[in-house]
Amino acid sequence: MDAVQKELASRKNEIKKELRLLFNANNRITEWDVPETDEKEAAKLLLQVMQEALDELKEEIRQEYK
């Protein structure tokens, strides 16, 4: 395992935790802003937004490191 792999492996749980915190924070904001929120639908839509952002980031990185 190279140094980058070791570094990311050591922080894997922290990264996952931060992603979950981002989801939870945005989910709460949605519930505050829209009191009659369908929680299941809101979570689904929020995950779609987050996936879209990840896909865009993947594409940017792919373009940068061709």
PDB file of N, CA and C in Angstrom:
ATOM      1  N   MET A   1       0.854  -1.177   0.000  1.00  0.00           N
ATOM      2  CA  MET A   1       0.000   0.000   0.000  1.00  0.00           C
ATOM      3  C   MET A   1       0.900   1.241   0.000  1.00  0.00           C
ATOM      4  N   ASP A   2       0.627   2.163  -0.919  1.00  0.00           N
ATOM      5  CA  ASP A   2       1.470   3.362  -0.968  1.00  0.00           C
ATOM      6  C   ASP A   2       1.006   4.384   0.068  1.00  0.00           C
ATOM      7  N   ALA A   3       1.734   5.477   0.162  1.00  0.00           N
ATOM      8  CA  ALA A   3       1.473   6.480   1.204  1.00  0.00           C
ATOM      9  C   ALA A   3       0.080   7.101   1.095  1.00  0.00           C
ATOM     10  N   VAL A   4      -0.364   7.386  -0.111  1.00  0.00           N
ATOM     11  CA  VAL A   4      -1.691   7.984  -0.293  1.00  0.00           C
ATOM     12  C   VAL A   4      -2.773   7.001   0.141  1.00  0.00           C
ATOM     13  N   GLN A   5      -2.630   5.752  -0.249  1.00  0.00           N
ATOM     14  CA  GLN A   5      -3.600   4.732   0.155  1.00  0.00           C
ATOM     15  C   GLN A   5      -3.648   4.593   1.669  1.00  0.00           C
ATOM     16  N   LYS A   6      -2.486   4.594   2.305  1.00  0.00           N
ATOM     17  CA  LYS A   6      -2.441   4.496   3.770  1.00  0.00           C
ATOM     18  C   LYS A   6      -3.109   5.695   4.419  1.00  0.00           C
ATOM     19  N   GLU A   7      -2.827   6.883   3.897  1.00  0.00           N
ATOM     20  CA  GLU A   7      -3.410   8.105   4.451  1.00  0.00           C
ATOM     21  C   GLU A   7      -4.927   8.074   4.346  1.00  0.00           C
ATOM     22  N   LEU A   8      -5.433   7.743   3.170  1.00  0.00           N
ATOM     23  CA  LEU A   8      -6.879   7.728   2.981  1.00  0.00           C
ATOM     24  C   LEU A   8      -7.530   6.596   3.762  1.00  0.00           C
ATOM     25  N   ALA A   9      -6.867   5.470   3.864  1.00  0.00           N
ATOM     26  CA  ALA A   9      -7.404   4.366   4.666  1.00  0.00           C
ATOM     27  C   ALA A   9      -7.521   4.774   6.125  1.00  0.00           C
ATOM     28  N   SER A  10      -6.556   5.535   6.604  1.00  0.00           N
ATOM     29  CA  SER A  10      -6.582   5.962   8.002  1.00  0.00           C
ATOM     30  C   SER A  10      -7.691   6.975   8.266  1.00  0.00           C
ATOM     31  N   ARG A  11      -8.132   7.675   7.214  1.00  0.00           N
ATOM     32  CA  ARG A  11      -9.176   8.691   7.372  1.00  0.00           C
ATOM     33  C   ARG A  11     -10.514   8.276   6.785  1.00  0.00           C
ATOM     34  N   LYS A  12     -10.629   7.048   6.318  1.00  0.00           N
ATOM     35  CA  LYS A  12     -11.840   6.584   5.639  1.00  0.00           C
ATOM     36  C   LYS A  12     -13.099   6.792   6.487  1.00  0.00           C
ATOM     37  N   ASN A  13     -13.063   6.356   7.723  1.00  0.00           N
ATOM     38  CA  ASN A  13     -14.241   6.508   8.588  1.00  0.00           C
ATOM     39  C   ASN A  13     -14.571   7.971   8.837  1.00  0.00           C
ATOM     40  N   GLU A  14     -13.555   8.797   8.991  1.00  0.00           N
ATOM     41  CA  GLU A  14     -13.767  10.231   9.202  1.00  0.00           C
ATOM     42  C   GLU A  14     -14.436  10.856   7.980  1.00  0.00           C
ATOM     43  N   ILE A  15     -13.989  10.490   6.800  1.00  0.00           N
ATOM     44  CA  ILE A  15     -14.563  11.020   5.563  1.00  0.00           C
ATOM     45  C   ILE A  15     -16.027  10.601   5.446  1.00  0.00           C
ATOM     46  N   LYS A  16     -16.311   9.335   5.727  1.00  0.00           N
ATOM     47  CA  LYS A  16     -17.694   8.851   5.673  1.00  0.00           C
ATOM     48  C   LYS A  16     -18.569   9.573   6.697  1.00  0.00           C
ATOM     49  N   LYS A  17     -18.021   9.791   7.875  1.00  0.00           N
ATOM     50  CA  LYS A  17     -18.760  10.482   8.928  1.00  0.00           C
ATOM     51  C   LYS A  17     -19.084  11.909   8.487  1.00  0.00           C
ATOM     52  N   GLU A  18     -18.108  12.594   7.879  1.00  0.00           N
ATOM     53  CA  GLU A  18     -18.319  13.962   7.422  1.00  0.00           C
ATOM     54  C   GLU A  18     -19.378  14.016   6.320  1.00  0.00           C
ATOM     55  N   LEU A  19     -19.386  13.034   5.449  1.00  0.00           N
ATOM     56  CA  LEU A  19     -20.396  12.993   4.398  1.00  0.00           C
ATOM     57  C   LEU A  19     -21.785  12.797   4.995  1.00  0.00           C
ATOM     58  N   ARG A  20     -21.878  11.922   5.989  1.00  0.00           N
ATOM     59  CA  ARG A  20     -23.155  11.699   6.670  1.00  0.00           C
ATOM     60  C   ARG A  20     -23.594  12.980   7.397  1.00  0.00           C
ATOM     61  N   LEU A  21     -22.649  13.692   8.023  1.00  0.00           N
ATOM     62  CA  LEU A  21     -22.979  14.953   8.693  1.00  0.00           C
ATOM     63  C   LEU A  21     -23.501  15.985   7.698  1.00  0.00           C
ATOM     64  N   LEU A  22     -22.903  16.037   6.516  1.00  0.00           N
ATOM     65  CA  LEU A  22     -23.370  16.942   5.472  1.00  0.00           C
ATOM     66  C   LEU A  22     -24.797  16.600   5.066  1.00  0.00           C
ATOM     67  N   PHE A  23     -25.057  15.308   4.878  1.00  0.00           N
ATOM     68  CA  PHE A  23     -26.410  14.872   4.544  1.00  0.00           C
ATOM     69  C   PHE A  23     -27.393  15.263   5.648  1.00  0.00           C
ATOM     70  N   ASN A  24     -27.057  14.923   6.884  1.00  0.00           N
ATOM     71  CA  ASN A  24     -27.959  15.192   8.010  1.00  0.00           C
ATOM     72  C   ASN A  24     -28.232  16.683   8.181  1.00  0.00           C
ATOM     73  N   ALA A  25     -27.209  17.509   8.041  1.00  0.00           N
ATOM     74  CA  ALA A  25     -27.383  18.952   8.188  1.00  0.00           C
ATOM     75  C   ALA A  25     -28.331  19.485   7.122  1.00  0.00           C
ATOM     76  N   ASN A  26     -28.130  19.068   5.882  1.00  0.00           N
ATOM     77  CA  ASN A  26     -28.993  19.539   4.803  1.00  0.00           C
ATOM     78  C   ASN A  26     -30.405  18.982   4.921  1.00  0.00           C
ATOM     79  N   ASN A  27     -30.522  17.777   5.420  1.00  0.00           N
ATOM     80  CA  ASN A  27     -31.836  17.179   5.628  1.00  0.00           C
ATOM     81  C   ASN A  27     -32.612  17.971   6.692  1.00  0.00           C
ATOM     82  N   ARG A  28     -31.926  18.327   7.792  1.00  0.00           N
ATOM     83  CA  ARG A  28     -32.572  19.115   8.850  1.00  0.00           C
ATOM     84  C   ARG A  28     -33.000  20.481   8.334  1.00  0.00           C
ATOM     85  N   ILE A  29     -32.149  21.119   7.547  1.00  0.00           N
ATOM     86  CA  ILE A  29     -32.478  22.437   6.991  1.00  0.00           C
ATOM     87  C   ILE A  29     -33.740  22.334   6.133  1.00  0.00           C
ATOM     88  N   THR A  30     -33.828  21.281   5.341  1.00  0.00           N
ATOM     89  CA  THR A  30     -35.018  21.083   4.507  1.00  0.00           C
ATOM     90  C   THR A  30     -36.256  20.923   5.377  1.00  0.00           C
ATOM     91  N   GLU A  31     -36.139  20.144   6.438  1.00  0.00           N
ATOM     92  CA  GLU A  31     -37.283  19.945   7.339  1.00  0.00           C
ATOM     93  C   GLU A  31     -37.688  21.250   8.024  1.00  0.00           C
ATOM     94  N   TRP A  32     -36.706  22.101   8.358  1.00  0.00           N
ATOM     95  CA  TRP A  32     -37.012  23.390   8.988  1.00  0.00           C
ATOM     96  C   TRP A  32     -37.702  24.316   7.992  1.00  0.00           C
ATOM     97  N   ASP A  33     -37.178  24.350   6.757  1.00  0.00           N
ATOM     98  CA  ASP A  33     -37.701  25.265   5.747  1.00  0.00           C
ATOM     99  C   ASP A  33     -39.055  24.828   5.206  1.00  0.00           C
ATOM    100  N   VAL A  34     -39.294  23.524   5.192  1.00  0.00           N
ATOM    101  CA  VAL A  34     -40.541  22.982   4.651  1.00  0.00           C
ATOM    102  C   VAL A  34     -41.124  22.030   5.697  1.00  0.00           C
ATOM    103  N   PRO A  35     -41.901  22.572   6.649  1.00  0.00           N
ATOM    104  CA  PRO A  35     -42.401  21.760   7.767  1.00  0.00           C
ATOM    105  C   PRO A  35     -43.202  20.527   7.349  1.00  0.00           C
ATOM    106  N   GLU A  36     -43.896  20.601   6.222  1.00  0.00           N
ATOM    107  CA  GLU A  36     -44.717  19.469   5.787  1.00  0.00           C
ATOM    108  C   GLU A  36     -43.932  18.495   4.903  1.00  0.00           C
ATOM    109  N   THR A  37     -42.621  18.476   5.059  1.00  0.00           N
ATOM    110  CA  THR A  37     -41.746  17.641   4.238  1.00  0.00           C
ATOM    111  C   THR A  37     -42.075  16.168   4.346  1.00  0.00           C
ATOM    112  N   ASP A  38     -42.125  15.512   3.194  1.00  0.00           N
ATOM    113  CA  ASP A  38     -42.163  14.054   3.128  1.00  0.00           C
ATOM    114  C   ASP A  38     -40.707  13.630   3.322  1.00  0.00           C
ATOM    115  N   GLU A  39     -40.363  13.150   4.500  1.00  0.00           N
ATOM    116  CA  GLU A  39     -38.975  12.888   4.865  1.00  0.00           C
ATOM    117  C   GLU A  39     -38.305  11.888   3.926  1.00  0.00           C
ATOM    118  N   LYS A  40     -39.028  10.855   3.523  1.00  0.00           N
ATOM    119  CA  LYS A  40     -38.453   9.857   2.627  1.00  0.00           C
ATOM    120  C   LYS A  40     -38.123  10.471   1.272  1.00  0.00           C
ATOM    121  N   GLU A  41     -39.045  11.261   0.729  1.00  0.00           N
ATOM    122  CA  GLU A  41     -38.824  11.905  -0.556  1.00  0.00           C
ATOM    123  C   GLU A  41     -37.710  12.946  -0.460  1.00  0.00           C
ATOM    124  N   ALA A  42     -37.682  13.703   0.625  1.00  0.00           N
ATOM    125  CA  ALA A  42     -36.634  14.707   0.807  1.00  0.00           C
ATOM    126  C   ALA A  42     -35.263  14.047   0.866  1.00  0.00           C
ATOM    127  N   ALA A  43     -35.151  12.945   1.587  1.00  0.00           N
ATOM    128  CA  ALA A  43     -33.877  12.229   1.684  1.00  0.00           C
ATOM    129  C   ALA A  43     -33.453  11.712   0.315  1.00  0.00           C
ATOM    130  N   LYS A  44     -34.405  11.180  -0.433  1.00  0.00           N
ATOM    131  CA  LYS A  44     -34.118  10.672  -1.775  1.00  0.00           C
ATOM    132  C   LYS A  44     -33.603  11.790  -2.686  1.00  0.00           C
ATOM    133  N   LEU A  45     -34.279  12.937  -2.655  1.00  0.00           N
ATOM    134  CA  LEU A  45     -33.867  14.069  -3.488  1.00  0.00           C
ATOM    135  C   LEU A  45     -32.508  14.620  -3.060  1.00  0.00           C
ATOM    136  N   LEU A  46     -32.285  14.684  -1.761  1.00  0.00           N
ATOM    137  CA  LEU A  46     -31.002  15.166  -1.261  1.00  0.00           C
ATOM    138  C   LEU A  46     -29.865  14.248  -1.698  1.00  0.00           C
ATOM    139  N   LEU A  47     -30.097  12.946  -1.633  1.00  0.00           N
ATOM    140  CA  LEU A  47     -29.080  11.995  -2.096  1.00  0.00           C
ATOM    141  C   LEU A  47     -28.806  12.167  -3.592  1.00  0.00           C
ATOM    142  N   GLN A  48     -29.834  12.469  -4.357  1.00  0.00           N
ATOM    143  CA  GLN A  48     -29.649  12.713  -5.790  1.00  0.00           C
ATOM    144  C   GLN A  48     -28.769  13.935  -6.027  1.00  0.00           C
ATOM    145  N   VAL A  49     -29.000  14.998  -5.246  1.00  0.00           N
ATOM    146  CA  VAL A  49     -28.181  16.208  -5.372  1.00  0.00           C
ATOM    147  C   VAL A  49     -26.732  15.902  -5.010  1.00  0.00           C
ATOM    148  N   MET A  50     -26.545  15.161  -3.915  1.00  0.00           N
ATOM    149  CA  MET A  50     -25.187  14.821  -3.491  1.00  0.00           C
ATOM    150  C   MET A  50     -24.497  13.926  -4.523  1.00  0.00           C
ATOM    151  N   GLN A  51     -25.241  12.987  -5.109  1.00  0.00           N
ATOM    152  CA  GLN A  51     -24.663  12.114  -6.131  1.00  0.00           C
ATOM    153  C   GLN A  51     -24.287  12.914  -7.372  1.00  0.00           C
ATOM    154  N   GLU A  52     -25.142  13.858  -7.742  1.00  0.00           N
ATOM    155  CA  GLU A  52     -24.850  14.730  -8.879  1.00  0.00           C
ATOM    156  C   GLU A  52     -23.549  15.499  -8.631  1.00  0.00           C
ATOM    157  N   ALA A  53     -23.391  16.014  -7.424  1.00  0.00           N
ATOM    158  CA  ALA A  53     -22.163  16.749  -7.084  1.00  0.00           C
ATOM    159  C   ALA A  53     -20.945  15.833  -7.152  1.00  0.00           C
ATOM    160  N   LEU A  54     -21.077  14.606  -6.659  1.00  0.00           N
ATOM    161  CA  LEU A  54     -19.969  13.647  -6.732  1.00  0.00           C
ATOM    162  C   LEU A  54     -19.633  13.307  -8.189  1.00  0.00           C
ATOM    163  N   ASP A  55     -20.668  13.118  -8.995  1.00  0.00           N
ATOM    164  CA  ASP A  55     -20.445  12.818 -10.412  1.00  0.00           C
ATOM    165  C   ASP A  55     -19.735  13.973 -11.114  1.00  0.00           C
ATOM    166  N   GLU A  56     -20.132  15.203 -10.796  1.00  0.00           N
ATOM    167  CA  GLU A  56     -19.471  16.372 -11.382  1.00  0.00           C
ATOM    168  C   GLU A  56     -18.012  16.440 -10.944  1.00  0.00           C
ATOM    169  N   LEU A  57     -17.757  16.169  -9.681  1.00  0.00           N
ATOM    170  CA  LEU A  57     -16.387  16.178  -9.171  1.00  0.00           C
ATOM    171  C   LEU A  57     -15.552  15.105  -9.851  1.00  0.00           C
ATOM    172  N   LYS A  58     -16.116  13.913 -10.018  1.00  0.00           N
ATOM    173  CA  LYS A  58     -15.411  12.827 -10.719  1.00  0.00           C
ATOM    174  C   LYS A  58     -15.035  13.257 -12.132  1.00  0.00           C
ATOM    175  N   GLU A  59     -15.980  13.899 -12.818  1.00  0.00           N
ATOM    176  CA  GLU A  59     -15.721  14.332 -14.186  1.00  0.00           C
ATOM    177  C   GLU A  59     -14.649  15.416 -14.224  1.00  0.00           C
ATOM    178  N   GLU A  60     -14.703  16.362 -13.288  1.00  0.00           N
ATOM    179  CA  GLU A  60     -13.675  17.410 -13.235  1.00  0.00           C
ATOM    180  C   GLU A  60     -12.298  16.787 -13.028  1.00  0.00           C
ATOM    181  N   ILE A  61     -12.208  15.837 -12.135  1.00  0.00           N
ATOM    182  CA  ILE A  61     -10.920  15.187 -11.846  1.00  0.00           C
ATOM    183  C   ILE A  61     -10.463  14.372 -13.050  1.00  0.00           C
ATOM    184  N   ARG A  62     -11.409  13.672 -13.697  1.00  0.00           N
ATOM    185  CA  ARG A  62     -11.065  12.897 -14.890  1.00  0.00           C
ATOM    186  C   ARG A  62     -10.504  13.808 -15.976  1.00  0.00           C
ATOM    187  N   GLN A  63     -11.135  14.965 -16.153  1.00  0.00           N
ATOM    188  CA  GLN A  63     -10.671  15.924 -17.162  1.00  0.00           C
ATOM    189  C   GLN A  63      -9.303  16.500 -16.811  1.00  0.00           C
ATOM    190  N   GLU A  64      -9.102  16.767 -15.530  1.00  0.00           N
ATOM    191  CA  GLU A  64      -7.858  17.377 -15.078  1.00  0.00           C
ATOM    192  C   GLU A  64      -6.670  16.434 -15.209  1.00  0.00           C
ATOM    193  N   TYR A  65      -6.899  15.141 -15.011  1.00  0.00           N
ATOM    194  CA  TYR A  65      -5.790  14.177 -14.981  1.00  0.00           C
ATOM    195  C   TYR A  65      -5.823  13.217 -16.161  1.00  0.00           C
ATOM    196  N   LYS A  66      -6.228  13.706 -17.322  1.00  0.00           N
ATOM    197  CA  LYS A  66      -6.224  12.879 -18.544  1.00  0.00           C
ATOM    198  C   LYS A  66      -4.835  12.438 -18.883  1.00  0.00           C
TER     199      LYS A  66
END
